Amino acid sequence: MEQRDMLRMANQIAAFFNGSGPEAAVKDAAEHINKFWEPRMRQALLAHLQKGGEGLDPTIVKAAGLIRKPKTAAA
């Protein structure tokens, strides 16, 4: 997945939930990402957030701590 596509999708999720108030939007956006994004997408998002989250809606930045880290495959 291209980074710009990931950013667009994450920001669309934030825009959808932002109408429900700041605290609910953070929780609901993280819940949506955890439920519907495959592990590789969540990993890419978390990596981008670790680098500062440039281009992401503040709701997604605030939700970072609630987004589950994908499990790594045991070697």
N, C-alpha and C. Protein backbone atom coordinates (compact mmCIF):
# COMPACT_ATOMS: atom_id res chain seq x y z
N MET A 1 0.85 -1.17 0.00
CA MET A 1 0.00 0.00 0.00
C MET A 1 0.89 1.23 0.00
N GLU A 2 0.55 2.16 -0.83
CA GLU A 2 1.27 3.44 -0.89
C GLU A 2 0.99 4.24 0.39
N GLN A 3 1.99 4.97 0.84
CA GLN A 3 1.83 5.75 2.06
C GLN A 3 0.72 6.79 1.91
N ARG A 4 0.65 7.43 0.74
CA ARG A 4 -0.38 8.45 0.56
C ARG A 4 -1.78 7.86 0.68
N ASP A 5 -1.95 6.61 0.22
CA ASP A 5 -3.25 5.94 0.33
C ASP A 5 -3.58 5.64 1.79
N MET A 6 -2.57 5.18 2.53
CA MET A 6 -2.77 4.90 3.95
C MET A 6 -3.17 6.17 4.71
N LEU A 7 -2.47 7.27 4.41
CA LEU A 7 -2.78 8.54 5.07
C LEU A 7 -4.20 8.99 4.73
N ARG A 8 -4.56 8.87 3.46
CA ARG A 8 -5.90 9.27 3.02
C ARG A 8 -6.97 8.45 3.75
N MET A 9 -6.76 7.14 3.81
CA MET A 9 -7.74 6.27 4.47
C MET A 9 -7.85 6.57 5.97
N ALA A 10 -6.71 6.74 6.63
CA ALA A 10 -6.72 7.06 8.06
C ALA A 10 -7.43 8.39 8.30
N ASN A 11 -7.16 9.38 7.46
CA ASN A 11 -7.80 10.69 7.63
C ASN A 11 -9.29 10.64 7.33
N GLN A 12 -9.71 9.77 6.42
CA GLN A 12 -11.15 9.60 6.16
C GLN A 12 -11.83 8.99 7.38
N ILE A 13 -11.17 8.06 8.02
CA ILE A 13 -11.73 7.46 9.25
C ILE A 13 -11.87 8.53 10.32
N ALA A 14 -10.83 9.33 10.49
CA ALA A 14 -10.89 10.41 11.49
C ALA A 14 -12.01 11.38 11.17
N ALA A 15 -12.14 11.77 9.91
CA ALA A 15 -13.18 12.72 9.53
C ALA A 15 -14.56 12.17 9.84
N PHE A 16 -14.76 10.88 9.62
CA PHE A 16 -16.05 10.26 9.90
C PHE A 16 -16.37 10.33 11.39
N PHE A 17 -15.39 10.02 12.24
CA PHE A 17 -15.64 9.94 13.68
C PHE A 17 -15.50 11.29 14.39
N ASN A 18 -14.90 12.28 13.77
CA ASN A 18 -14.68 13.57 14.44
C ASN A 18 -15.98 14.25 14.86
N GLY A 19 -17.08 13.94 14.23
CA GLY A 19 -18.35 14.53 14.60
C GLY A 19 -18.91 14.03 15.92
N SER A 20 -18.32 12.97 16.48
CA SER A 20 -18.85 12.41 17.71
C SER A 20 -18.15 12.94 18.97
N GLY A 21 -17.34 13.97 18.81
CA GLY A 21 -16.64 14.56 19.95
C GLY A 21 -15.23 13.99 20.03
N PRO A 22 -14.30 14.77 20.59
CA PRO A 22 -12.87 14.40 20.57
C PRO A 22 -12.55 13.05 21.21
N GLU A 23 -13.05 12.79 22.40
CA GLU A 23 -12.70 11.54 23.09
C GLU A 23 -13.29 10.33 22.38
N ALA A 24 -14.55 10.44 22.00
CA ALA A 24 -15.20 9.33 21.30
C ALA A 24 -14.54 9.10 19.94
N ALA A 25 -14.17 10.18 19.26
CA ALA A 25 -13.56 10.05 17.93
C ALA A 25 -12.24 9.27 18.02
N VAL A 26 -11.42 9.56 19.01
CA VAL A 26 -10.15 8.87 19.18
C VAL A 26 -10.39 7.38 19.42
N LYS A 27 -11.28 7.08 20.34
CA LYS A 27 -11.58 5.68 20.68
C LYS A 27 -12.18 4.95 19.48
N ASP A 28 -13.14 5.57 18.82
CA ASP A 28 -13.83 4.92 17.71
C ASP A 28 -12.92 4.74 16.49
N ALA A 29 -12.05 5.71 16.23
CA ALA A 29 -11.13 5.59 15.10
C ALA A 29 -10.15 4.44 15.35
N ALA A 30 -9.61 4.36 16.56
CA ALA A 30 -8.70 3.26 16.89
C ALA A 30 -9.42 1.92 16.80
N GLU A 31 -10.63 1.86 17.29
CA GLU A 31 -11.41 0.62 17.24
C GLU A 31 -11.64 0.18 15.79
N HIS A 32 -11.97 1.14 14.94
CA HIS A 32 -12.20 0.84 13.52
C HIS A 32 -10.92 0.30 12.87
N ILE A 33 -9.81 0.96 13.11
CA ILE A 33 -8.54 0.52 12.53
C ILE A 33 -8.17 -0.87 13.05
N ASN A 34 -8.35 -1.10 14.33
CA ASN A 34 -8.04 -2.42 14.90
C ASN A 34 -8.92 -3.51 14.31
N LYS A 35 -10.15 -3.19 14.05
CA LYS A 35 -11.12 -4.18 13.58
C LYS A 35 -10.99 -4.47 12.08
N PHE A 36 -10.72 -3.45 11.28
CA PHE A 36 -10.82 -3.60 9.83
C PHE A 36 -9.51 -3.52 9.06
N TRP A 37 -8.45 -3.02 9.67
CA TRP A 37 -7.18 -2.92 8.94
C TRP A 37 -6.38 -4.18 9.17
N GLU A 38 -5.83 -4.72 8.09
CA GLU A 38 -4.99 -5.91 8.22
C GLU A 38 -3.69 -5.54 8.93
N PRO A 39 -2.99 -6.52 9.48
CA PRO A 39 -1.77 -6.23 10.25
C PRO A 39 -0.74 -5.39 9.51
N ARG A 40 -0.53 -5.65 8.22
CA ARG A 40 0.48 -4.86 7.48
C ARG A 40 0.08 -3.38 7.42
N MET A 41 -1.20 -3.11 7.30
CA MET A 41 -1.66 -1.72 7.25
C MET A 41 -1.45 -1.04 8.60
N ARG A 42 -1.80 -1.77 9.68
CA ARG A 42 -1.60 -1.20 11.02
C ARG A 42 -0.12 -0.98 11.29
N GLN A 43 0.72 -1.91 10.86
CA GLN A 43 2.17 -1.76 11.06
C GLN A 43 2.69 -0.53 10.34
N ALA A 44 2.24 -0.32 9.10
CA ALA A 44 2.68 0.85 8.33
C ALA A 44 2.21 2.13 9.01
N LEU A 45 0.98 2.14 9.50
CA LEU A 45 0.45 3.32 10.19
C LEU A 45 1.25 3.60 11.46
N LEU A 46 1.49 2.57 12.25
CA LEU A 46 2.25 2.76 13.49
C LEU A 46 3.67 3.22 13.22
N ALA A 47 4.29 2.71 12.17
CA ALA A 47 5.64 3.16 11.81
C ALA A 47 5.63 4.63 11.43
N HIS A 48 4.60 5.05 10.70
CA HIS A 48 4.49 6.45 10.31
C HIS A 48 4.25 7.33 11.54
N LEU A 49 3.44 6.85 12.45
CA LEU A 49 3.20 7.59 13.69
C LEU A 49 4.47 7.73 14.52
N GLN A 50 5.31 6.70 14.54
CA GLN A 50 6.57 6.77 15.29
C GLN A 50 7.51 7.81 14.71
N LYS A 51 7.35 8.10 13.44
CA LYS A 51 8.19 9.11 12.78
C LYS A 51 7.58 10.50 12.90
N GLY A 52 6.49 10.64 13.64
CA GLY A 52 5.87 11.94 13.86
C GLY A 52 4.47 12.07 13.31
N GLY A 53 4.06 11.17 12.42
CA GLY A 53 2.70 11.18 11.93
C GLY A 53 2.36 12.31 10.99
N GLU A 54 3.33 12.83 10.26
CA GLU A 54 3.09 13.95 9.35
C GLU A 54 1.95 13.62 8.38
N GLY A 55 1.03 14.57 8.26
CA GLY A 55 -0.08 14.43 7.33
C GLY A 55 -1.30 13.74 7.90
N LEU A 56 -1.20 13.25 9.13
CA LEU A 56 -2.33 12.57 9.75
C LEU A 56 -3.20 13.54 10.56
N ASP A 57 -4.47 13.28 10.52
CA ASP A 57 -5.43 14.03 11.34
C ASP A 57 -5.04 13.85 12.81
N PRO A 58 -5.15 14.90 13.62
CA PRO A 58 -4.80 14.79 15.05
C PRO A 58 -5.55 13.68 15.78
N THR A 59 -6.75 13.33 15.34
CA THR A 59 -7.49 12.23 15.97
C THR A 59 -6.71 10.93 15.84
N ILE A 60 -6.14 10.68 14.68
CA ILE A 60 -5.37 9.45 14.48
C ILE A 60 -4.09 9.48 15.30
N VAL A 61 -3.46 10.63 15.37
CA VAL A 61 -2.24 10.77 16.18
C VAL A 61 -2.56 10.46 17.64
N LYS A 62 -3.67 10.98 18.13
CA LYS A 62 -4.08 10.73 19.53
C LYS A 62 -4.48 9.27 19.74
N ALA A 63 -4.96 8.62 18.70
CA ALA A 63 -5.40 7.22 18.80
C ALA A 63 -4.23 6.24 18.76
N ALA A 64 -3.03 6.71 18.50
CA ALA A 64 -1.87 5.82 18.31
C ALA A 64 -1.71 4.81 19.44
N GLY A 65 -1.89 5.22 20.66
CA GLY A 65 -1.72 4.32 21.80
C GLY A 65 -2.79 3.26 21.91
N LEU A 66 -3.89 3.43 21.20
CA LEU A 66 -4.99 2.47 21.24
C LEU A 66 -4.96 1.50 20.05
N ILE A 67 -4.11 1.77 19.09
CA ILE A 67 -4.03 0.91 17.91
C ILE A 67 -3.13 -0.28 18.25
N ARG A 68 -3.68 -1.47 18.04
CA ARG A 68 -2.94 -2.70 18.40
C ARG A 68 -1.77 -2.94 17.45
N LYS A 69 -0.64 -3.26 18.04
CA LYS A 69 0.52 -3.64 17.25
C LYS A 69 0.29 -5.05 16.72
N PRO A 70 0.56 -5.26 15.44
CA PRO A 70 0.38 -6.61 14.88
C PRO A 70 1.34 -7.59 15.53
N LYS A 71 0.88 -8.83 15.67
CA LYS A 71 1.74 -9.88 16.19
C LYS A 71 2.72 -10.27 15.10
N THR A 72 3.96 -10.54 15.50
CA THR A 72 4.96 -10.97 14.53
C THR A 72 4.97 -12.49 14.47
N ALA A 73 5.25 -13.00 13.33
CA ALA A 73 5.30 -14.45 13.15
C ALA A 73 6.52 -15.00 13.84
N ALA A 74 6.35 -16.11 14.51
CA ALA A 74 7.48 -16.76 15.19
C ALA A 74 8.35 -17.45 14.16
N ALA A 75 9.64 -17.27 14.29
CA ALA A 75 10.57 -17.86 13.31
C ALA A 75 10.92 -19.28 13.67
